[in-house]
């Protein structure tokens, strides 16, 4: 029987487990139309998603939280996103197969994300992942978010599995830092929402998955 490298598998959500870019694009373009601003292509928004609504607003509206209009626009974007967050979002290719295999081998899997609980839970309720995570850790559950190790450690504690026997998979350097800081094994999802200038080799992940399908081979060598 094929044996897994790890006792538990934890995923980042956006750009790692799920391809959420199409729905972020929909919500953002509705808002841009309302503001009479140019539309954005999905390929361009992918590099902004890792920084959430703050990253999108900073880039497309050229403002930060010190701007009096910032919170108003951010809430408008999040409201639009909440209406469209499961229209086109899907697991990356091969991920459902991986989740099924984890279940067959009784290996618990979970999600550790910087996405707020209200959006994370709504997506999970609407998608058919063929398996449900044993643990979900969002910013609502911790004092410090990634790259702080607290979310990874909390997830491992809830699973009853030591971080050193757990793998954390993510598509941002903060994911790899959080996993490493917690003492977990890390996999960099190079297929995710990576900035053009990012050199993934400098993240010092234990492994790199260039395609989503690579994860199956890395977890079940």
N, C-alpha and C. Protein backbone atom coordinates (compact mmCIF):
# COMPACT_ATOMS: atom_id res chain seq x y z
N UNK A 1 0.85 -1.19 0.00
CA UNK A 1 0.00 0.00 0.00
C UNK A 1 0.89 1.25 0.00
N UNK A 2 0.53 2.20 -0.86
CA UNK A 2 1.30 3.42 -0.97
C UNK A 2 1.28 4.19 0.36
N UNK A 3 2.44 4.63 0.81
CA UNK A 3 2.52 5.32 2.10
C UNK A 3 2.79 6.79 1.87
N UNK A 4 2.11 7.63 2.66
CA UNK A 4 2.30 9.08 2.55
C UNK A 4 3.53 9.51 3.34
N UNK A 5 4.10 10.61 2.89
CA UNK A 5 5.27 11.17 3.57
C UNK A 5 4.90 11.80 4.91
N UNK A 6 3.63 12.24 5.04
CA UNK A 6 3.24 13.08 6.17
C UNK A 6 2.01 12.51 6.88
N UNK A 7 1.84 12.91 8.13
CA UNK A 7 0.68 12.46 8.91
C UNK A 7 -0.52 13.38 8.75
N UNK A 8 -0.28 14.61 8.27
CA UNK A 8 -1.37 15.56 8.02
C UNK A 8 -0.93 16.51 6.91
N UNK A 9 -1.91 17.02 6.18
CA UNK A 9 -1.65 17.94 5.07
C UNK A 9 -2.50 19.19 5.26
N UNK A 10 -1.84 20.35 5.27
CA UNK A 10 -2.53 21.63 5.41
C UNK A 10 -2.32 22.46 4.15
N UNK A 11 -3.39 23.10 3.69
CA UNK A 11 -3.34 23.91 2.48
C UNK A 11 -3.65 25.37 2.79
N UNK A 12 -2.96 26.27 2.11
CA UNK A 12 -3.45 27.63 1.96
C UNK A 12 -4.67 27.51 1.03
N UNK A 13 -5.54 28.52 1.01
CA UNK A 13 -6.76 28.40 0.22
C UNK A 13 -6.62 28.99 -1.18
N UNK A 14 -6.60 30.32 -1.27
CA UNK A 14 -6.54 31.00 -2.57
C UNK A 14 -5.20 30.74 -3.26
N UNK A 15 -5.25 30.22 -4.47
CA UNK A 15 -4.03 30.02 -5.25
C UNK A 15 -3.28 28.76 -4.91
N UNK A 16 -3.81 27.97 -3.97
CA UNK A 16 -3.16 26.71 -3.59
C UNK A 16 -4.13 25.55 -3.70
N UNK A 17 -5.19 25.60 -2.91
CA UNK A 17 -6.24 24.58 -3.00
C UNK A 17 -7.27 24.96 -4.05
N UNK A 18 -7.67 26.23 -4.04
CA UNK A 18 -8.74 26.69 -4.94
C UNK A 18 -8.25 27.79 -5.87
N UNK A 19 -8.76 27.74 -7.10
CA UNK A 19 -8.52 28.81 -8.07
C UNK A 19 -9.68 29.80 -7.94
N UNK A 20 -9.49 30.81 -7.11
CA UNK A 20 -10.54 31.79 -6.82
C UNK A 20 -10.46 33.02 -7.70
N UNK A 21 -9.45 33.10 -8.56
CA UNK A 21 -9.22 34.30 -9.36
C UNK A 21 -10.41 34.71 -10.23
N UNK A 22 -11.12 33.76 -10.88
CA UNK A 22 -12.24 34.18 -11.73
C UNK A 22 -13.30 34.98 -10.97
N UNK A 23 -13.60 34.59 -9.74
CA UNK A 23 -14.63 35.29 -8.98
C UNK A 23 -14.13 36.62 -8.41
N UNK A 24 -12.85 36.68 -8.06
CA UNK A 24 -12.27 37.96 -7.68
C UNK A 24 -12.31 38.92 -8.86
N UNK A 25 -12.05 38.40 -10.06
CA UNK A 25 -12.07 39.24 -11.27
C UNK A 25 -13.46 39.77 -11.51
N UNK A 26 -14.46 38.92 -11.38
CA UNK A 26 -15.85 39.35 -11.57
C UNK A 26 -16.21 40.49 -10.63
N UNK A 27 -15.94 40.29 -9.34
CA UNK A 27 -16.30 41.30 -8.34
C UNK A 27 -15.54 42.60 -8.58
N UNK A 28 -14.26 42.48 -8.88
CA UNK A 28 -13.44 43.68 -9.09
C UNK A 28 -13.90 44.45 -10.31
N UNK A 29 -14.21 43.75 -11.39
CA UNK A 29 -14.63 44.44 -12.61
C UNK A 29 -16.00 45.10 -12.47
N UNK A 30 -16.88 44.52 -11.68
CA UNK A 30 -18.17 45.18 -11.41
C UNK A 30 -17.91 46.50 -10.69
N UNK A 31 -17.02 46.46 -9.69
CA UNK A 31 -16.71 47.68 -8.95
C UNK A 31 -16.02 48.71 -9.85
N UNK A 32 -15.11 48.25 -10.69
CA UNK A 32 -14.42 49.17 -11.60
C UNK A 32 -15.41 49.83 -12.58
N UNK A 33 -16.38 49.05 -13.05
CA UNK A 33 -17.41 49.62 -13.93
C UNK A 33 -18.22 50.68 -13.19
N UNK A 34 -18.54 50.39 -11.95
CA UNK A 34 -19.31 51.34 -11.15
C UNK A 34 -18.55 52.65 -10.96
N UNK A 35 -17.23 52.54 -10.89
CA UNK A 35 -16.38 53.71 -10.70
C UNK A 35 -15.91 54.32 -12.01
N UNK A 36 -16.43 53.73 -13.12
CA UNK A 36 -16.05 54.20 -14.47
C UNK A 36 -14.53 54.13 -14.70
N UNK A 37 -13.96 53.03 -14.27
CA UNK A 37 -12.54 52.77 -14.45
C UNK A 37 -12.34 51.59 -15.38
N UNK A 38 -11.15 51.46 -16.01
CA UNK A 38 -10.91 50.36 -16.95
C UNK A 38 -11.01 49.00 -16.28
N UNK A 39 -11.43 48.02 -17.05
CA UNK A 39 -11.54 46.65 -16.57
C UNK A 39 -10.15 46.02 -16.44
N UNK A 40 -10.08 44.96 -15.64
CA UNK A 40 -8.83 44.24 -15.44
C UNK A 40 -8.98 42.81 -15.92
N UNK A 41 -7.90 42.26 -16.47
CA UNK A 41 -7.93 40.87 -16.93
C UNK A 41 -7.64 39.94 -15.75
N UNK A 42 -8.18 38.72 -15.86
CA UNK A 42 -7.99 37.75 -14.79
C UNK A 42 -6.51 37.48 -14.54
N UNK A 43 -5.71 37.41 -15.61
CA UNK A 43 -4.29 37.10 -15.44
C UNK A 43 -3.58 38.19 -14.64
N UNK A 44 -4.11 39.41 -14.70
CA UNK A 44 -3.47 40.51 -13.97
C UNK A 44 -3.89 40.55 -12.50
N UNK A 45 -5.10 40.07 -12.21
CA UNK A 45 -5.56 40.11 -10.82
C UNK A 45 -4.97 38.97 -10.01
N UNK A 46 -4.50 37.91 -10.66
CA UNK A 46 -3.97 36.75 -9.95
C UNK A 46 -2.81 37.12 -9.02
N UNK A 47 -2.01 38.06 -9.44
CA UNK A 47 -0.86 38.43 -8.61
C UNK A 47 -1.26 39.32 -7.43
N UNK A 48 -2.51 39.79 -7.41
CA UNK A 48 -2.96 40.68 -6.33
C UNK A 48 -3.71 39.94 -5.24
N UNK A 49 -4.20 38.74 -5.56
CA UNK A 49 -5.12 38.05 -4.65
C UNK A 49 -4.47 37.67 -3.33
N UNK A 50 -3.19 37.33 -3.35
CA UNK A 50 -2.53 36.90 -2.11
C UNK A 50 -2.56 37.97 -1.03
N UNK A 51 -2.69 39.24 -1.45
CA UNK A 51 -2.76 40.33 -0.47
C UNK A 51 -4.20 40.77 -0.22
N UNK A 52 -5.16 39.97 -0.69
CA UNK A 52 -6.56 40.20 -0.40
C UNK A 52 -7.11 41.51 -0.94
N UNK A 53 -8.19 41.97 -0.31
CA UNK A 53 -8.84 43.20 -0.78
C UNK A 53 -7.90 44.40 -0.69
N UNK A 54 -7.03 44.40 0.32
CA UNK A 54 -6.08 45.51 0.47
C UNK A 54 -5.15 45.60 -0.73
N UNK A 55 -4.66 44.44 -1.21
CA UNK A 55 -3.77 44.43 -2.36
C UNK A 55 -4.47 44.91 -3.62
N UNK A 56 -5.71 44.48 -3.81
CA UNK A 56 -6.47 44.87 -5.00
C UNK A 56 -6.74 46.37 -5.00
N UNK A 57 -7.18 46.89 -3.86
CA UNK A 57 -7.51 48.32 -3.78
C UNK A 57 -6.26 49.18 -3.92
N UNK A 58 -5.18 48.75 -3.28
CA UNK A 58 -3.93 49.50 -3.37
C UNK A 58 -3.46 49.63 -4.81
N UNK A 59 -3.54 48.54 -5.55
CA UNK A 59 -3.04 48.51 -6.93
C UNK A 59 -3.98 49.23 -7.89
N UNK A 60 -5.26 48.92 -7.81
CA UNK A 60 -6.21 49.41 -8.82
C UNK A 60 -6.77 50.79 -8.52
N UNK A 61 -6.81 51.15 -7.24
CA UNK A 61 -7.37 52.44 -6.88
C UNK A 61 -6.31 53.39 -6.32
N UNK A 62 -5.07 52.91 -6.29
CA UNK A 62 -3.93 53.74 -5.85
C UNK A 62 -4.20 54.43 -4.51
N UNK A 63 -4.66 53.62 -3.54
CA UNK A 63 -4.90 54.18 -2.21
C UNK A 63 -4.60 53.15 -1.14
N UNK A 64 -4.31 53.63 0.06
CA UNK A 64 -4.13 52.72 1.19
C UNK A 64 -5.10 53.10 2.29
N UNK A 65 -4.95 52.45 3.44
CA UNK A 65 -5.92 52.61 4.51
C UNK A 65 -5.99 54.02 5.08
N UNK A 66 -5.02 54.87 4.76
CA UNK A 66 -5.05 56.25 5.26
C UNK A 66 -5.99 57.13 4.44
N UNK A 67 -6.40 56.64 3.28
CA UNK A 67 -7.32 57.40 2.43
C UNK A 67 -8.74 57.33 3.00
N UNK A 68 -9.44 58.46 3.11
CA UNK A 68 -10.80 58.45 3.68
C UNK A 68 -11.78 57.55 2.92
N UNK A 69 -11.51 57.29 1.64
CA UNK A 69 -12.41 56.47 0.82
C UNK A 69 -12.07 54.98 0.88
N UNK A 70 -10.93 54.67 1.51
CA UNK A 70 -10.43 53.29 1.46
C UNK A 70 -11.43 52.27 2.01
N UNK A 71 -11.92 52.47 3.22
CA UNK A 71 -12.81 51.50 3.84
C UNK A 71 -14.12 51.37 3.07
N UNK A 72 -14.63 52.47 2.55
CA UNK A 72 -15.87 52.43 1.77
C UNK A 72 -15.69 51.55 0.53
N UNK A 73 -14.60 51.76 -0.20
CA UNK A 73 -14.35 50.98 -1.42
C UNK A 73 -14.06 49.52 -1.06
N UNK A 74 -13.33 49.29 0.01
CA UNK A 74 -13.02 47.92 0.41
C UNK A 74 -14.30 47.15 0.73
N UNK A 75 -15.22 47.78 1.45
CA UNK A 75 -16.47 47.11 1.78
C UNK A 75 -17.34 46.88 0.54
N UNK A 76 -17.28 47.80 -0.39
CA UNK A 76 -18.01 47.62 -1.66
C UNK A 76 -17.47 46.40 -2.40
N UNK A 77 -16.13 46.28 -2.45
CA UNK A 77 -15.51 45.14 -3.13
C UNK A 77 -15.87 43.83 -2.42
N UNK A 78 -15.77 43.80 -1.11
CA UNK A 78 -16.05 42.58 -0.37
C UNK A 78 -17.52 42.18 -0.47
N UNK A 79 -18.40 43.16 -0.52
CA UNK A 79 -19.82 42.85 -0.70
C UNK A 79 -20.07 42.22 -2.06
N UNK A 80 -19.45 42.76 -3.08
CA UNK A 80 -19.58 42.18 -4.42
C UNK A 80 -18.98 40.79 -4.47
N UNK A 81 -17.82 40.63 -3.84
CA UNK A 81 -17.18 39.31 -3.83
C UNK A 81 -18.05 38.28 -3.13
N UNK A 82 -18.68 38.67 -2.03
CA UNK A 82 -19.51 37.72 -1.29
C UNK A 82 -20.68 37.21 -2.13
N UNK A 83 -21.09 37.98 -3.12
CA UNK A 83 -22.20 37.58 -3.99
C UNK A 83 -21.75 36.64 -5.11
N UNK A 84 -20.46 36.63 -5.37
CA UNK A 84 -19.94 35.89 -6.53
C UNK A 84 -18.85 34.89 -6.18
N UNK A 85 -18.61 34.64 -4.90
CA UNK A 85 -17.40 33.90 -4.50
C UNK A 85 -17.37 32.42 -4.87
N UNK A 86 -18.50 31.88 -5.33
CA UNK A 86 -18.48 30.47 -5.76
C UNK A 86 -19.08 30.30 -7.15
N UNK A 87 -19.08 31.37 -7.92
CA UNK A 87 -19.62 31.28 -9.29
C UNK A 87 -18.74 30.41 -10.17
N UNK A 88 -17.44 30.68 -10.16
CA UNK A 88 -16.50 29.98 -11.03
C UNK A 88 -15.33 29.36 -10.28
N UNK A 89 -15.25 29.58 -8.99
CA UNK A 89 -14.15 29.04 -8.19
C UNK A 89 -14.19 27.51 -8.20
N UNK A 90 -13.02 26.91 -8.42
CA UNK A 90 -12.91 25.45 -8.44
C UNK A 90 -11.58 25.02 -7.82
N UNK A 91 -11.49 23.79 -7.36
CA UNK A 91 -10.18 23.27 -6.94
C UNK A 91 -9.24 23.21 -8.14
N UNK A 92 -7.96 23.40 -7.90
CA UNK A 92 -7.00 23.24 -8.99
C UNK A 92 -7.01 21.79 -9.48
N UNK A 93 -6.63 21.61 -10.71
CA UNK A 93 -6.64 20.28 -11.33
C UNK A 93 -5.86 19.27 -10.49
N UNK A 94 -6.49 18.15 -10.22
CA UNK A 94 -5.83 17.08 -9.47
C UNK A 94 -6.01 17.16 -7.97
N UNK A 95 -6.54 18.29 -7.47
CA UNK A 95 -6.65 18.44 -6.02
C UNK A 95 -7.77 17.59 -5.42
N UNK A 96 -8.88 17.44 -6.13
CA UNK A 96 -9.96 16.59 -5.62
C UNK A 96 -9.47 15.15 -5.52
N UNK A 97 -8.72 14.70 -6.53
CA UNK A 97 -8.15 13.35 -6.49
C UNK A 97 -7.23 13.19 -5.29
N UNK A 98 -6.42 14.22 -5.01
CA UNK A 98 -5.52 14.17 -3.86
C UNK A 98 -6.32 14.09 -2.56
N UNK A 99 -7.37 14.89 -2.42
CA UNK A 99 -8.17 14.88 -1.20
C UNK A 99 -8.82 13.51 -0.99
N UNK A 100 -9.30 12.91 -2.06
CA UNK A 100 -9.89 11.57 -1.96
C UNK A 100 -8.86 10.55 -1.48
N UNK A 101 -7.65 10.67 -2.01
CA UNK A 101 -6.59 9.73 -1.62
C UNK A 101 -6.19 9.92 -0.16
N UNK A 102 -6.17 11.15 0.28
CA UNK A 102 -5.88 11.42 1.70
C UNK A 102 -6.94 10.77 2.58
N UNK A 103 -8.18 10.86 2.17
CA UNK A 103 -9.27 10.24 2.94
C UNK A 103 -9.13 8.72 2.97
N UNK A 104 -8.80 8.14 1.82
CA UNK A 104 -8.65 6.68 1.73
C UNK A 104 -7.55 6.21 2.68
N UNK A 105 -6.51 7.00 2.81
CA UNK A 105 -5.37 6.64 3.66
C UNK A 105 -5.51 7.17 5.09
N UNK A 106 -6.69 7.72 5.40
CA UNK A 106 -6.96 8.26 6.75
C UNK A 106 -5.95 9.31 7.18
N UNK A 107 -5.56 10.15 6.22
CA UNK A 107 -4.65 11.27 6.52
C UNK A 107 -5.49 12.55 6.59
N UNK A 108 -5.58 13.15 7.76
CA UNK A 108 -6.40 14.36 7.88
C UNK A 108 -5.80 15.53 7.09
N UNK A 109 -6.68 16.33 6.52
CA UNK A 109 -6.22 17.52 5.81
C UNK A 109 -7.02 18.73 6.30
N UNK A 110 -6.41 19.88 6.16
CA UNK A 110 -7.08 21.09 6.61
C UNK A 110 -6.65 22.31 5.82
N UNK A 111 -7.20 23.43 6.20
CA UNK A 111 -6.96 24.70 5.53
C UNK A 111 -6.47 25.72 6.55
N UNK A 112 -5.40 26.41 6.22
CA UNK A 112 -4.90 27.53 7.03
C UNK A 112 -4.78 28.71 6.08
N UNK A 113 -5.64 29.70 6.27
CA UNK A 113 -5.74 30.79 5.31
C UNK A 113 -5.81 32.14 6.00
N UNK A 114 -5.42 33.18 5.29
CA UNK A 114 -5.60 34.55 5.77
C UNK A 114 -6.95 35.11 5.29
N UNK A 115 -7.76 34.27 4.65
CA UNK A 115 -9.09 34.69 4.19
C UNK A 115 -10.05 34.63 5.39
N UNK A 116 -10.82 35.68 5.64
CA UNK A 116 -11.74 35.67 6.78
C UNK A 116 -12.71 34.49 6.74
N UNK A 117 -13.13 34.09 7.93
CA UNK A 117 -13.97 32.90 8.08
C UNK A 117 -15.27 32.99 7.29
N UNK A 118 -15.88 34.17 7.24
CA UNK A 118 -17.18 34.29 6.58
C UNK A 118 -17.11 33.91 5.10
N UNK A 119 -15.99 34.27 4.44
CA UNK A 119 -15.85 33.94 3.01
C UNK A 119 -15.35 32.51 2.84
N UNK A 120 -14.45 32.09 3.70
CA UNK A 120 -13.93 30.72 3.62
C UNK A 120 -15.05 29.71 3.79
N UNK A 121 -15.84 29.86 4.82
CA UNK A 121 -16.93 28.91 5.07
C UNK A 121 -17.97 28.92 3.97
N UNK A 122 -18.27 30.10 3.45
CA UNK A 122 -19.26 30.20 2.38
C UNK A 122 -18.82 29.45 1.14
N UNK A 123 -17.54 29.58 0.78
CA UNK A 123 -17.00 28.86 -0.38
C UNK A 123 -17.06 27.35 -0.15
N UNK A 124 -16.61 26.92 1.02
CA UNK A 124 -16.58 25.48 1.31
C UNK A 124 -17.97 24.87 1.31
N UNK A 125 -18.96 25.64 1.74
CA UNK A 125 -20.34 25.13 1.75
C UNK A 125 -20.88 24.97 0.34
N UNK A 126 -20.41 25.82 -0.58
CA UNK A 126 -20.97 25.82 -1.92
C UNK A 126 -20.23 24.91 -2.90
N UNK A 127 -18.98 24.55 -2.56
CA UNK A 127 -18.19 23.71 -3.46
C UNK A 127 -18.31 22.24 -3.07
N UNK A 128 -18.17 21.38 -4.06
CA UNK A 128 -18.13 19.95 -3.80
C UNK A 128 -16.68 19.48 -3.90
N UNK A 129 -16.03 19.37 -2.75
CA UNK A 129 -14.62 18.95 -2.73
C UNK A 129 -14.48 17.44 -2.57
N UNK A 130 -15.59 16.74 -2.46
CA UNK A 130 -15.60 15.28 -2.29
C UNK A 130 -15.02 14.87 -0.94
N UNK A 131 -14.67 15.84 -0.13
CA UNK A 131 -14.09 15.60 1.19
C UNK A 131 -14.15 16.92 1.93
N UNK A 132 -14.28 16.88 3.25
CA UNK A 132 -14.35 18.13 4.01
C UNK A 132 -13.14 18.21 4.94
N UNK A 133 -12.56 19.42 5.04
CA UNK A 133 -11.36 19.55 5.89
C UNK A 133 -11.65 19.23 7.34
N UNK A 134 -10.67 18.62 7.99
CA UNK A 134 -10.80 18.28 9.40
C UNK A 134 -10.56 19.50 10.29
N UNK A 135 -9.91 20.50 9.73
CA UNK A 135 -9.66 21.73 10.48
C UNK A 135 -9.58 22.89 9.48
N UNK A 136 -10.13 24.04 9.89
CA UNK A 136 -10.04 25.27 9.09
C UNK A 136 -9.64 26.39 10.03
N UNK A 137 -8.51 27.02 9.76
CA UNK A 137 -8.02 28.12 10.59
C UNK A 137 -7.97 29.39 9.74
N UNK A 138 -8.70 30.41 10.21
CA UNK A 138 -8.78 31.70 9.53
C UNK A 138 -8.24 32.79 10.46
N UNK A 139 -8.08 34.01 9.98
CA UNK A 139 -7.58 35.08 10.86
C UNK A 139 -8.46 35.30 12.09
N UNK A 140 -9.76 34.97 11.97
CA UNK A 140 -10.69 35.13 13.08
C UNK A 140 -10.32 34.27 14.29
N UNK A 141 -9.51 33.23 14.07
CA UNK A 141 -9.24 32.24 15.12
C UNK A 141 -7.92 32.47 15.85
N UNK A 142 -7.13 33.44 15.39
CA UNK A 142 -5.79 33.62 15.96
C UNK A 142 -5.51 35.09 16.26
N UNK A 143 -4.50 35.32 17.07
CA UNK A 143 -4.06 36.70 17.32
C UNK A 143 -3.16 37.19 16.20
N UNK A 144 -2.33 36.28 15.67
CA UNK A 144 -1.37 36.67 14.64
C UNK A 144 -1.56 35.79 13.41
N UNK A 145 -1.54 36.40 12.24
CA UNK A 145 -1.72 35.65 10.98
C UNK A 145 -0.37 35.34 10.34
N UNK A 146 -0.40 34.53 9.31
CA UNK A 146 0.83 34.19 8.57
C UNK A 146 1.51 35.48 8.13
N UNK A 147 2.84 35.57 8.23
CA UNK A 147 3.82 34.49 8.39
C UNK A 147 4.07 34.03 9.82
N UNK A 148 3.35 34.56 10.79
CA UNK A 148 3.47 34.05 12.15
C UNK A 148 3.05 32.57 12.17
N UNK A 149 3.71 31.74 12.94
CA UNK A 149 3.39 30.31 12.94
C UNK A 149 2.12 29.94 13.69
N UNK A 150 1.51 30.90 14.40
CA UNK A 150 0.36 30.59 15.25
C UNK A 150 -0.75 29.81 14.51
N UNK A 151 -1.16 30.22 13.29
CA UNK A 151 -2.24 29.48 12.63
C UNK A 151 -1.88 28.03 12.32
N UNK A 152 -0.63 27.78 11.93
CA UNK A 152 -0.20 26.41 11.64
C UNK A 152 -0.18 25.58 12.91
N UNK A 153 0.34 26.15 13.96
CA UNK A 153 0.42 25.43 15.24
C UNK A 153 -0.99 25.12 15.76
N UNK A 154 -1.91 26.08 15.62
CA UNK A 154 -3.29 25.85 16.06
C UNK A 154 -3.91 24.70 15.28
N UNK A 155 -3.71 24.70 13.96
CA UNK A 155 -4.27 23.63 13.12
C UNK A 155 -3.71 22.27 13.54
N UNK A 156 -2.41 22.21 13.76
CA UNK A 156 -1.78 20.95 14.18
C UNK A 156 -2.30 20.49 15.53
N UNK A 157 -2.47 21.44 16.45
CA UNK A 157 -3.00 21.09 17.77
C UNK A 157 -4.41 20.53 17.67
N UNK A 158 -5.23 21.12 16.82
CA UNK A 158 -6.60 20.65 16.64
C UNK A 158 -6.63 19.24 16.04
N UNK A 159 -5.65 18.96 15.17
CA UNK A 159 -5.57 17.63 14.56
C UNK A 159 -4.90 16.62 15.48
N UNK A 160 -4.18 17.12 16.49
CA UNK A 160 -3.45 16.22 17.38
C UNK A 160 -2.22 15.63 16.73
N UNK A 161 -1.63 16.39 15.81
CA UNK A 161 -0.44 15.92 15.08
C UNK A 161 0.66 16.98 15.19
N UNK A 162 1.87 16.55 15.43
CA UNK A 162 2.99 17.47 15.59
C UNK A 162 3.29 18.18 14.27
N UNK A 163 3.70 19.46 14.33
CA UNK A 163 4.04 20.20 13.10
C UNK A 163 5.11 19.51 12.26
N UNK A 164 6.08 18.86 12.92
CA UNK A 164 7.16 18.23 12.15
C UNK A 164 6.68 17.03 11.34
N UNK A 165 5.48 16.55 11.64
CA UNK A 165 4.90 15.44 10.87
C UNK A 165 3.81 15.93 9.91
N UNK A 166 3.76 17.25 9.75
CA UNK A 166 2.72 17.89 8.93
C UNK A 166 3.38 18.64 7.78
N UNK A 167 2.69 18.69 6.64
CA UNK A 167 3.16 19.51 5.52
C UNK A 167 2.19 20.65 5.31
N UNK A 168 2.75 21.84 5.07
CA UNK A 168 1.92 23.00 4.74
C UNK A 168 2.25 23.44 3.33
N UNK A 169 1.20 23.65 2.52
CA UNK A 169 1.36 23.98 1.10
C UNK A 169 0.82 25.38 0.86
N UNK A 170 1.62 26.24 0.24
CA UNK A 170 1.15 27.60 -0.02
C UNK A 170 1.84 28.24 -1.20
N UNK A 171 1.23 29.31 -1.71
CA UNK A 171 1.74 29.96 -2.92
C UNK A 171 2.31 31.35 -2.65
N UNK A 172 2.64 31.64 -1.39
CA UNK A 172 3.22 32.93 -1.04
C UNK A 172 4.36 32.69 -0.04
N UNK A 173 5.34 33.56 -0.06
CA UNK A 173 6.47 33.38 0.84
C UNK A 173 6.01 33.37 2.30
N UNK A 174 4.96 34.12 2.61
CA UNK A 174 4.47 34.11 4.00
C UNK A 174 3.97 32.73 4.42
N UNK A 175 3.46 31.97 3.45
CA UNK A 175 3.01 30.60 3.76
C UNK A 175 4.18 29.72 4.14
N UNK A 176 5.24 29.84 3.36
CA UNK A 176 6.43 29.02 3.60
C UNK A 176 7.10 29.44 4.91
N UNK A 177 7.13 30.72 5.17
CA UNK A 177 7.71 31.21 6.43
C UNK A 177 6.89 30.73 7.63
N UNK A 178 5.56 30.78 7.51
CA UNK A 178 4.70 30.34 8.61
C UNK A 178 4.90 28.86 8.88
N UNK A 179 4.95 28.06 7.81
CA UNK A 179 5.17 26.62 7.97
C UNK A 179 6.51 26.33 8.59
N UNK A 180 7.55 26.98 8.09
CA UNK A 180 8.90 26.75 8.63
C UNK A 180 9.00 27.21 10.07
N UNK A 181 8.39 28.36 10.38
CA UNK A 181 8.44 28.88 11.75
C UNK A 181 7.71 27.96 12.73
N UNK A 182 6.72 27.22 12.20
CA UNK A 182 5.99 26.28 13.05
C UNK A 182 6.70 24.95 13.19
N UNK A 183 7.72 24.72 12.35
CA UNK A 183 8.44 23.46 12.37
C UNK A 183 7.86 22.42 11.43
N UNK A 184 6.97 22.85 10.53
CA UNK A 184 6.36 21.93 9.57
C UNK A 184 7.22 21.81 8.31
N UNK A 185 6.95 20.76 7.53
CA UNK A 185 7.53 20.64 6.19
C UNK A 185 6.73 21.55 5.27
N UNK A 186 7.36 22.13 4.26
CA UNK A 186 6.65 23.08 3.40
C UNK A 186 6.78 22.71 1.92
N UNK A 187 5.71 23.01 1.19
CA UNK A 187 5.71 22.87 -0.27
C UNK A 187 5.25 24.20 -0.85
N UNK A 188 6.06 24.78 -1.73
CA UNK A 188 5.70 26.01 -2.43
C UNK A 188 4.88 25.66 -3.67
N UNK A 189 3.69 26.23 -3.76
CA UNK A 189 2.81 25.99 -4.91
C UNK A 189 3.15 26.98 -6.02
N UNK A 190 4.09 26.59 -6.87
CA UNK A 190 4.56 27.49 -7.93
C UNK A 190 3.49 27.75 -8.99
N UNK A 191 2.45 26.94 -9.00
CA UNK A 191 1.36 27.11 -9.96
C UNK A 191 0.37 28.19 -9.52
N UNK A 192 0.54 28.72 -8.30
CA UNK A 192 -0.44 29.62 -7.72
C UNK A 192 -0.30 31.07 -8.14
N UNK A 193 -0.71 31.95 -7.25
CA UNK A 193 -0.76 33.38 -7.57
C UNK A 193 0.57 34.03 -7.20
N UNK A 194 1.53 33.80 -8.07
CA UNK A 194 2.91 34.22 -7.80
C UNK A 194 3.19 35.55 -8.51
N UNK A 195 3.81 36.48 -7.79
CA UNK A 195 4.25 37.73 -8.41
C UNK A 195 5.34 37.45 -9.44
N UNK A 196 5.36 38.21 -10.50
CA UNK A 196 6.31 37.99 -11.59
C UNK A 196 7.75 38.05 -11.11
N UNK A 197 8.01 38.93 -10.15
CA UNK A 197 9.40 39.12 -9.70
C UNK A 197 9.81 38.14 -8.60
N UNK A 198 8.87 37.32 -8.15
CA UNK A 198 9.19 36.38 -7.07
C UNK A 198 10.11 35.25 -7.55
N UNK A 199 11.14 34.98 -6.78
CA UNK A 199 12.03 33.84 -7.04
C UNK A 199 11.71 32.79 -5.97
N UNK A 200 10.91 31.80 -6.35
CA UNK A 200 10.42 30.81 -5.39
C UNK A 200 11.57 30.03 -4.75
N UNK A 201 12.66 29.88 -5.49
CA UNK A 201 13.79 29.12 -4.94
C UNK A 201 14.36 29.79 -3.69
N UNK A 202 14.12 31.10 -3.54
CA UNK A 202 14.63 31.83 -2.38
C UNK A 202 13.69 31.75 -1.18
N UNK A 203 12.54 31.10 -1.36
CA UNK A 203 11.62 30.94 -0.23
C UNK A 203 12.10 29.84 0.72
N UNK A 204 12.99 28.96 0.21
CA UNK A 204 13.55 27.86 1.01
C UNK A 204 12.49 26.86 1.46
N UNK A 205 11.52 26.61 0.60
CA UNK A 205 10.56 25.54 0.88
C UNK A 205 11.27 24.20 0.76
N UNK A 206 10.75 23.19 1.44
CA UNK A 206 11.34 21.85 1.34
C UNK A 206 11.13 21.24 -0.03
N UNK A 207 9.99 21.56 -0.65
CA UNK A 207 9.67 21.05 -1.97
C UNK A 207 8.97 22.16 -2.76
N UNK A 208 8.98 22.01 -4.10
CA UNK A 208 8.25 22.93 -4.98
C UNK A 208 7.34 22.11 -5.88
N UNK A 209 6.07 22.51 -5.95
CA UNK A 209 5.11 21.88 -6.87
C UNK A 209 4.89 22.83 -8.04
N UNK A 210 5.45 22.49 -9.18
CA UNK A 210 5.31 23.37 -10.35
C UNK A 210 3.91 23.30 -10.95
N UNK A 211 3.27 22.14 -10.81
CA UNK A 211 1.90 21.94 -11.27
C UNK A 211 1.10 21.36 -10.10
N UNK A 212 -0.22 21.61 -10.08
CA UNK A 212 -1.03 21.04 -8.99
C UNK A 212 -0.89 19.52 -8.89
N UNK A 213 -0.77 18.87 -10.04
CA UNK A 213 -0.66 17.41 -10.04
C UNK A 213 0.61 16.92 -9.34
N UNK A 214 1.63 17.79 -9.22
CA UNK A 214 2.88 17.41 -8.55
C UNK A 214 2.66 17.10 -7.07
N UNK A 215 1.62 17.67 -6.49
CA UNK A 215 1.39 17.47 -5.06
C UNK A 215 1.14 16.00 -4.72
N UNK A 216 0.42 15.32 -5.59
CA UNK A 216 0.13 13.90 -5.34
C UNK A 216 1.42 13.11 -5.25
N UNK A 217 2.35 13.41 -6.15
CA UNK A 217 3.63 12.67 -6.18
C UNK A 217 4.53 13.06 -5.00
N UNK A 218 4.40 14.31 -4.55
CA UNK A 218 5.21 14.74 -3.41
C UNK A 218 4.70 14.16 -2.09
N UNK A 219 3.39 14.03 -1.98
CA UNK A 219 2.80 13.52 -0.75
C UNK A 219 2.80 12.00 -0.70
N UNK A 220 2.61 11.39 -1.86
CA UNK A 220 2.66 9.92 -1.97
C UNK A 220 3.77 9.51 -2.92
N UNK A 221 5.03 9.59 -2.47
CA UNK A 221 6.18 9.34 -3.36
C UNK A 221 6.27 7.87 -3.79
